[in-house]
Amino acid sequence: MPSSNGPMKGTRGKLSNDPRDRGTSPPQRAIQEFEAGQKVHLKLDPSVREGRFHPRFNGLTGEVTGKQGSAFTVSINDGGKEKTVIARAAHLKEQTE
């Protein structure tokens, strides 16, 4: 059987919750707001289908540059190249120092 080459290939670990985290995510996570210039971590929430970014960028840290609809634009550095990722608040976590 030929192997799959879709965009979600190889994401079993990234897109699966731990047994204690299964089910619906807390609504507070989906309605949080971020300011431009704020540092955030990109972390896919497997329970939320909308507003996902490509799994390649999971685990990176970036800076919020603005808002696009109900999602946020995040500027990240991917191998020395500046890129923009669009993600909803459920997939972003504020960086605390």
C-alpha atoms as a PDB file:
ATOM      1  CA  MET A   1       0.000   0.000   0.000  1.00  0.00           C
ATOM      2  CA  PRO A   2       1.437   3.443  -0.889  1.00  0.00           C
ATOM      3  CA  SER A   3       2.326   5.781   1.937  1.00  0.00           C
ATOM      4  CA  SER A   4       0.309   8.921   2.543  1.00  0.00           C
ATOM      5  CA  ASN A   5       1.931  12.246   1.710  1.00  0.00           C
ATOM      6  CA  GLY A   6      -0.705  14.653   3.046  1.00  0.00           C
ATOM      7  CA  PRO A   7      -0.023  17.751   5.167  1.00  0.00           C
ATOM      8  CA  MET A   8      -0.851  15.890   8.405  1.00  0.00           C
ATOM      9  CA  LYS A   9       1.584  13.033   7.715  1.00  0.00           C
ATOM     10  CA  GLY A  10       3.594  12.027  10.779  1.00  0.00           C
ATOM     11  CA  THR A  11       1.549  13.976  13.320  1.00  0.00           C
ATOM     12  CA  ARG A  12       0.206  11.165  15.494  1.00  0.00           C
ATOM     13  CA  GLY A  13       2.147  12.426  18.507  1.00  0.00           C
ATOM     14  CA  LYS A  14       1.514  16.106  17.851  1.00  0.00           C
ATOM     15  CA  LEU A  15      -2.212  15.731  17.287  1.00  0.00           C
ATOM     16  CA  SER A  16      -3.117  13.387  20.135  1.00  0.00           C
ATOM     17  CA  ASN A  17      -3.983  14.379  23.685  1.00  0.00           C
ATOM     18  CA  ASP A  18      -2.826  12.643  26.820  1.00  0.00           C
ATOM     19  CA  PRO A  19      -5.615  10.522  28.336  1.00  0.00           C
ATOM     20  CA  ARG A  20      -6.270  13.077  31.104  1.00  0.00           C
ATOM     21  CA  ASP A  21      -6.551  15.932  28.588  1.00  0.00           C
ATOM     22  CA  ARG A  22      -9.058  14.285  26.249  1.00  0.00           C
ATOM     23  CA  GLY A  23     -12.370  15.937  25.454  1.00  0.00           C
ATOM     24  CA  THR A  24     -13.319  19.554  24.961  1.00  0.00           C
ATOM     25  CA  SER A  25     -10.717  22.213  25.718  1.00  0.00           C
ATOM     26  CA  PRO A  26     -11.484  24.920  28.292  1.00  0.00           C
ATOM     27  CA  PRO A  27     -13.305  27.877  26.675  1.00  0.00           C
ATOM     28  CA  GLN A  28     -10.944  30.358  28.381  1.00  0.00           C
ATOM     29  CA  ARG A  29      -8.151  29.148  26.120  1.00  0.00           C
ATOM     30  CA  ALA A  30     -10.127  29.944  22.958  1.00  0.00           C
ATOM     31  CA  ILE A  31     -11.104  33.511  23.950  1.00  0.00           C
ATOM     32  CA  GLN A  32      -7.787  34.777  25.321  1.00  0.00           C
ATOM     33  CA  GLU A  33      -6.435  37.967  23.760  1.00  0.00           C
ATOM     34  CA  PHE A  34      -2.867  38.831  22.831  1.00  0.00           C
ATOM     35  CA  GLU A  35      -1.291  42.222  22.182  1.00  0.00           C
ATOM     36  CA  ALA A  36       0.961  43.043  19.244  1.00  0.00           C
ATOM     37  CA  GLY A  37       4.585  42.478  20.229  1.00  0.00           C
ATOM     38  CA  GLN A  38       3.745  39.817  22.805  1.00  0.00           C
ATOM     39  CA  LYS A  39       5.760  36.565  22.738  1.00  0.00           C
ATOM     40  CA  VAL A  40       3.732  33.358  22.395  1.00  0.00           C
ATOM     41  CA  HIS A  41       4.421  29.635  22.068  1.00  0.00           C
ATOM     42  CA  LEU A  42       2.807  27.731  19.195  1.00  0.00           C
ATOM     43  CA  LYS A  43       1.183  24.557  20.536  1.00  0.00           C
ATOM     44  CA  LEU A  44      -1.456  22.686  18.546  1.00  0.00           C
ATOM     45  CA  ASP A  45      -4.601  21.823  20.504  1.00  0.00           C
ATOM     46  CA  PRO A  46      -5.830  18.518  19.032  1.00  0.00           C
ATOM     47  CA  SER A  47      -9.372  19.158  20.324  1.00  0.00           C
ATOM     48  CA  VAL A  48      -9.770  22.309  18.181  1.00  0.00           C
ATOM     49  CA  ARG A  49      -9.888  21.900  14.389  1.00  0.00           C
ATOM     50  CA  GLU A  50     -10.308  25.568  13.449  1.00  0.00           C
ATOM     51  CA  GLY A  51      -7.386  27.946  13.141  1.00  0.00           C
ATOM     52  CA  ARG A  52      -4.612  25.379  13.059  1.00  0.00           C
ATOM     53  CA  PHE A  53      -1.197  26.130  11.635  1.00  0.00           C
ATOM     54  CA  HIS A  54       1.034  23.614   9.848  1.00  0.00           C
ATOM     55  CA  PRO A  55       2.328  21.006  12.323  1.00  0.00           C
ATOM     56  CA  ARG A  56       5.900  21.752  11.214  1.00  0.00           C
ATOM     57  CA  PHE A  57       5.778  24.916  13.352  1.00  0.00           C
ATOM     58  CA  ASN A  58       4.507  23.186  16.505  1.00  0.00           C
ATOM     59  CA  GLY A  59       6.646  24.068  19.533  1.00  0.00           C
ATOM     60  CA  LEU A  60       8.164  27.260  18.117  1.00  0.00           C
ATOM     61  CA  THR A  61       8.034  30.657  19.821  1.00  0.00           C
ATOM     62  CA  GLY A  62       7.104  33.824  17.960  1.00  0.00           C
ATOM     63  CA  GLU A  63       5.850  37.372  18.305  1.00  0.00           C
ATOM     64  CA  VAL A  64       2.242  38.413  17.734  1.00  0.00           C
ATOM     65  CA  THR A  65       2.140  40.971  14.921  1.00  0.00           C
ATOM     66  CA  GLY A  66      -1.603  41.552  14.686  1.00  0.00           C
ATOM     67  CA  LYS A  67      -5.051  40.085  14.343  1.00  0.00           C
ATOM     68  CA  GLN A  68      -6.709  38.611  11.263  1.00  0.00           C
ATOM     69  CA  GLY A  69     -10.390  37.968  11.839  1.00  0.00           C
ATOM     70  CA  SER A  70     -10.666  35.851  14.974  1.00  0.00           C
ATOM     71  CA  ALA A  71      -7.080  34.580  14.566  1.00  0.00           C
ATOM     72  CA  PHE A  72      -3.690  36.100  15.310  1.00  0.00           C
ATOM     73  CA  THR A  73      -0.709  36.533  13.008  1.00  0.00           C
ATOM     74  CA  VAL A  74       2.528  35.378  14.599  1.00  0.00           C
ATOM     75  CA  SER A  75       5.971  36.131  13.206  1.00  0.00           C
ATOM     76  CA  ILE A  76       8.431  33.253  13.658  1.00  0.00           C
ATOM     77  CA  ASN A  77      11.992  32.498  12.615  1.00  0.00           C
ATOM     78  CA  ASP A  78      12.217  29.213  10.696  1.00  0.00           C
ATOM     79  CA  GLY A  79      15.803  28.271   9.932  1.00  0.00           C
ATOM     80  CA  GLY A  80      16.963  31.879   9.648  1.00  0.00           C
ATOM     81  CA  LYS A  81      13.979  32.949   7.545  1.00  0.00           C
ATOM     82  CA  GLU A  82      11.169  35.156   8.860  1.00  0.00           C
ATOM     83  CA  LYS A  83       7.712  33.586   8.394  1.00  0.00           C
ATOM     84  CA  THR A  84       4.158  34.510   9.354  1.00  0.00           C
ATOM     85  CA  VAL A  85       1.829  31.926  10.894  1.00  0.00           C
ATOM     86  CA  ILE A  86      -1.925  32.460  11.292  1.00  0.00           C
ATOM     87  CA  ALA A  87      -3.433  30.687  14.310  1.00  0.00           C
ATOM     88  CA  ARG A  88      -6.380  30.985  16.649  1.00  0.00           C
ATOM     89  CA  ALA A  89      -5.920  31.686  20.349  1.00  0.00           C
ATOM     90  CA  ALA A  90      -6.587  28.045  21.317  1.00  0.00           C
ATOM     91  CA  HIS A  91      -3.255  27.094  19.717  1.00  0.00           C
ATOM     92  CA  LEU A  92      -1.224  29.892  21.343  1.00  0.00           C
ATOM     93  CA  LYS A  93       0.222  30.098  24.836  1.00  0.00           C
ATOM     94  CA  GLU A  94       1.624  33.257  26.399  1.00  0.00           C
ATOM     95  CA  GLN A  95       5.333  33.170  27.197  1.00  0.00           C
ATOM     96  CA  THR A  96       6.075  33.827  30.866  1.00  0.00           C
ATOM     97  CA  GLU A  97       9.643  34.611  31.815  1.00  0.00           C
END
